[in-house]
Amino acid sequence: MDLPALSQWEAFMVETLLAKGMERQTLINLLKAKDAETLNNFDDTFDYHELITAAETALDNLTQAVQVGYTIKFVSKFGIKRLLGLKYGLEEGIDYQMADDRFDNLTLTAPQLAEFKAMLSPNWKVFNEINGNGTFTVSILHATLVHKT
């Protein structure tokens, strides 16, 4: 099954609401009801009218993304940084190092690794090594850094 595709901005809005404690089904119900006011009252980081507008044109896509996950159409370096913080509570300089076009020394569980690999757009490549404790040490490199053989 192909995952639905969201814009980076839509992903930020969804992940912010989930990170702040909104239940997935509640979010879906509010999207279906076109209730931007409740979303904006729950969190004031964004104007969630934009998410409602996206839902009006592609409700099934957005609902599926909230339920089962998604891929991001195009994600920037700072988009990855923000998603690592929203989804997993990871911080640059503490939980990983970020350079020009790469992220190094992330530690993710197997489910987190699978989820994050599925989310990333093709302009990023993920490399990982399993640790003795069942976690993975992960590097994320921009595709321009990966030499084709």
Protein backbone atom coordinates (compact mmCIF):
# COMPACT_ATOMS: atom_id res chain seq x y z
CA MET A 1 0.00 0.00 0.00
CA ASP A 2 1.33 3.42 -0.94
CA LEU A 3 1.18 5.98 1.83
CA PRO A 4 -0.67 9.22 1.14
CA ALA A 5 1.52 12.24 0.39
CA LEU A 6 1.33 15.46 2.40
CA SER A 7 3.09 18.76 1.97
CA GLN A 8 5.73 19.54 4.56
CA TRP A 9 3.44 22.26 5.95
CA GLU A 10 0.49 19.86 6.30
CA ALA A 11 2.78 17.37 8.06
CA PHE A 12 3.90 20.08 10.51
CA MET A 13 0.30 20.91 11.36
CA VAL A 14 -0.73 17.27 11.83
CA GLU A 15 2.35 16.39 13.90
CA THR A 16 2.02 19.51 16.07
CA LEU A 17 -1.55 18.61 17.01
CA LEU A 18 -0.61 14.99 17.72
CA ALA A 19 2.50 16.01 19.71
CA LYS A 20 0.36 18.29 21.87
CA GLY A 21 -1.92 15.38 22.77
CA MET A 22 -4.77 15.41 20.29
CA GLU A 23 -6.05 11.91 19.60
CA ARG A 24 -5.90 10.77 15.98
CA GLN A 25 -9.64 10.08 15.81
CA THR A 26 -10.44 13.49 17.30
CA LEU A 27 -8.30 15.14 14.62
CA ILE A 28 -10.04 13.15 11.89
CA ASN A 29 -13.46 14.10 13.28
CA LEU A 30 -12.52 17.79 13.38
CA LEU A 31 -11.21 17.64 9.81
CA LYS A 32 -14.45 16.03 8.65
CA ALA A 33 -16.47 18.67 10.51
CA LYS A 34 -14.29 21.46 9.03
CA ASP A 35 -13.81 22.74 12.59
CA ALA A 36 -10.77 25.02 12.35
CA GLU A 37 -11.91 26.97 15.41
CA THR A 38 -11.52 23.97 17.73
CA LEU A 39 -8.13 23.16 16.19
CA ASN A 40 -6.98 26.78 16.66
CA ASN A 41 -8.24 26.79 20.26
CA PHE A 42 -6.38 23.52 20.96
CA ASP A 43 -3.11 24.91 19.57
CA ASP A 44 -2.20 28.37 18.35
CA THR A 45 1.03 27.47 16.54
CA PHE A 46 -0.65 27.59 13.13
CA ASP A 47 -3.80 28.87 11.52
CA TYR A 48 -5.51 25.51 11.09
CA HIS A 49 -7.91 26.93 8.51
CA GLU A 50 -5.15 25.91 6.06
CA LEU A 51 -5.42 22.29 7.20
CA ILE A 52 -9.20 22.44 6.83
CA THR A 53 -8.75 23.80 3.29
CA ALA A 54 -6.46 20.86 2.51
CA ALA A 55 -9.07 18.49 3.95
CA GLU A 56 -11.79 20.03 1.80
CA THR A 57 -9.88 19.10 -1.35
CA ALA A 58 -8.45 15.75 -0.19
CA LEU A 59 -10.21 14.50 2.94
CA ASP A 60 -9.58 10.80 2.26
CA ASN A 61 -5.87 11.46 1.73
CA LEU A 62 -5.55 13.47 4.94
CA THR A 63 -7.64 11.01 6.96
CA GLN A 64 -5.52 8.10 5.79
CA ALA A 65 -2.34 10.07 6.58
CA VAL A 66 -3.50 10.65 10.16
CA GLN A 67 -4.54 6.99 10.57
CA VAL A 68 -1.65 5.07 8.98
CA GLY A 69 1.15 7.52 8.21
CA TYR A 70 2.28 9.41 5.17
CA THR A 71 5.15 10.43 2.98
CA ILE A 72 6.14 14.05 2.54
CA LYS A 73 6.17 15.33 -1.03
CA PHE A 74 9.35 17.35 -0.46
CA VAL A 75 11.06 17.85 2.89
CA SER A 76 13.80 20.36 3.65
CA LYS A 77 16.69 20.02 6.10
CA PHE A 78 14.87 22.17 8.64
CA GLY A 79 11.70 20.19 7.98
CA ILE A 80 13.51 17.03 9.07
CA LYS A 81 14.81 18.82 12.17
CA ARG A 82 11.31 19.97 13.10
CA LEU A 83 9.75 16.54 12.47
CA LEU A 84 12.39 14.80 14.60
CA GLY A 85 11.43 17.14 17.43
CA LEU A 86 7.68 16.86 16.98
CA LYS A 87 7.46 13.10 16.46
CA TYR A 88 10.22 11.80 18.73
CA GLY A 89 11.24 14.68 21.01
CA LEU A 90 14.77 14.69 19.56
CA GLU A 91 16.92 17.83 19.70
CA GLU A 92 19.86 18.89 17.57
CA GLY A 93 23.14 18.84 19.48
CA ILE A 94 21.71 16.56 22.16
CA ASP A 95 20.18 13.62 20.29
CA TYR A 96 21.91 14.06 16.92
CA GLN A 97 24.26 16.28 14.95
CA MET A 98 23.08 18.29 11.95
CA ALA A 99 25.47 19.48 9.25
CA ASP A 100 24.88 21.14 5.87
CA ASP A 101 23.08 18.26 4.16
CA ARG A 102 23.09 15.50 6.76
CA PHE A 103 21.99 14.32 10.17
CA ASP A 104 24.19 11.90 12.13
CA ASN A 105 24.11 9.82 15.30
CA LEU A 106 20.34 9.62 15.67
CA THR A 107 19.14 6.72 17.78
CA LEU A 108 15.76 5.33 16.73
CA THR A 109 13.76 2.21 17.56
CA ALA A 110 12.80 -0.15 14.74
CA PRO A 111 9.22 1.25 14.50
CA GLN A 112 10.50 4.84 14.53
CA LEU A 113 13.06 4.04 11.83
CA ALA A 114 10.46 2.39 9.60
CA GLU A 115 8.03 5.27 10.10
CA PHE A 116 10.60 7.98 9.42
CA LYS A 117 12.04 6.24 6.34
CA ALA A 118 8.53 6.01 4.90
CA MET A 119 7.89 9.71 5.54
CA LEU A 120 10.98 11.11 3.87
CA SER A 121 10.87 12.37 0.32
CA PRO A 122 13.27 10.86 -2.24
CA ASN A 123 15.73 13.74 -1.87
CA TRP A 124 16.93 12.16 1.41
CA LYS A 125 18.57 8.77 2.01
CA VAL A 126 18.63 6.90 5.33
CA PHE A 127 21.51 4.70 6.49
CA ASN A 128 21.42 2.72 9.71
CA GLU A 129 23.29 0.22 11.86
CA ILE A 130 21.66 -1.94 14.49
CA ASN A 131 22.87 -1.47 18.06
CA GLY A 132 23.17 -4.25 20.62
CA ASN A 133 20.06 -3.05 22.45
CA GLY A 134 17.77 -3.31 19.41
CA THR A 135 17.89 0.37 18.53
CA PHE A 136 19.48 1.79 15.41
CA THR A 137 22.12 4.46 14.90
CA VAL A 138 20.88 6.45 11.93
CA SER A 139 22.32 8.92 9.44
CA ILE A 140 20.15 10.87 7.01
CA LEU A 141 21.94 12.28 3.98
CA HIS A 142 20.73 14.52 1.19
CA ALA A 143 20.65 12.51 -2.04
CA THR A 144 23.31 14.76 -3.59
CA LEU A 145 25.81 13.39 -1.03
CA VAL A 146 25.17 9.78 -1.96
CA HIS A 147 27.44 8.61 -4.75
CA LYS A 148 25.73 6.44 -7.33
CA THR A 149 27.63 3.32 -8.27
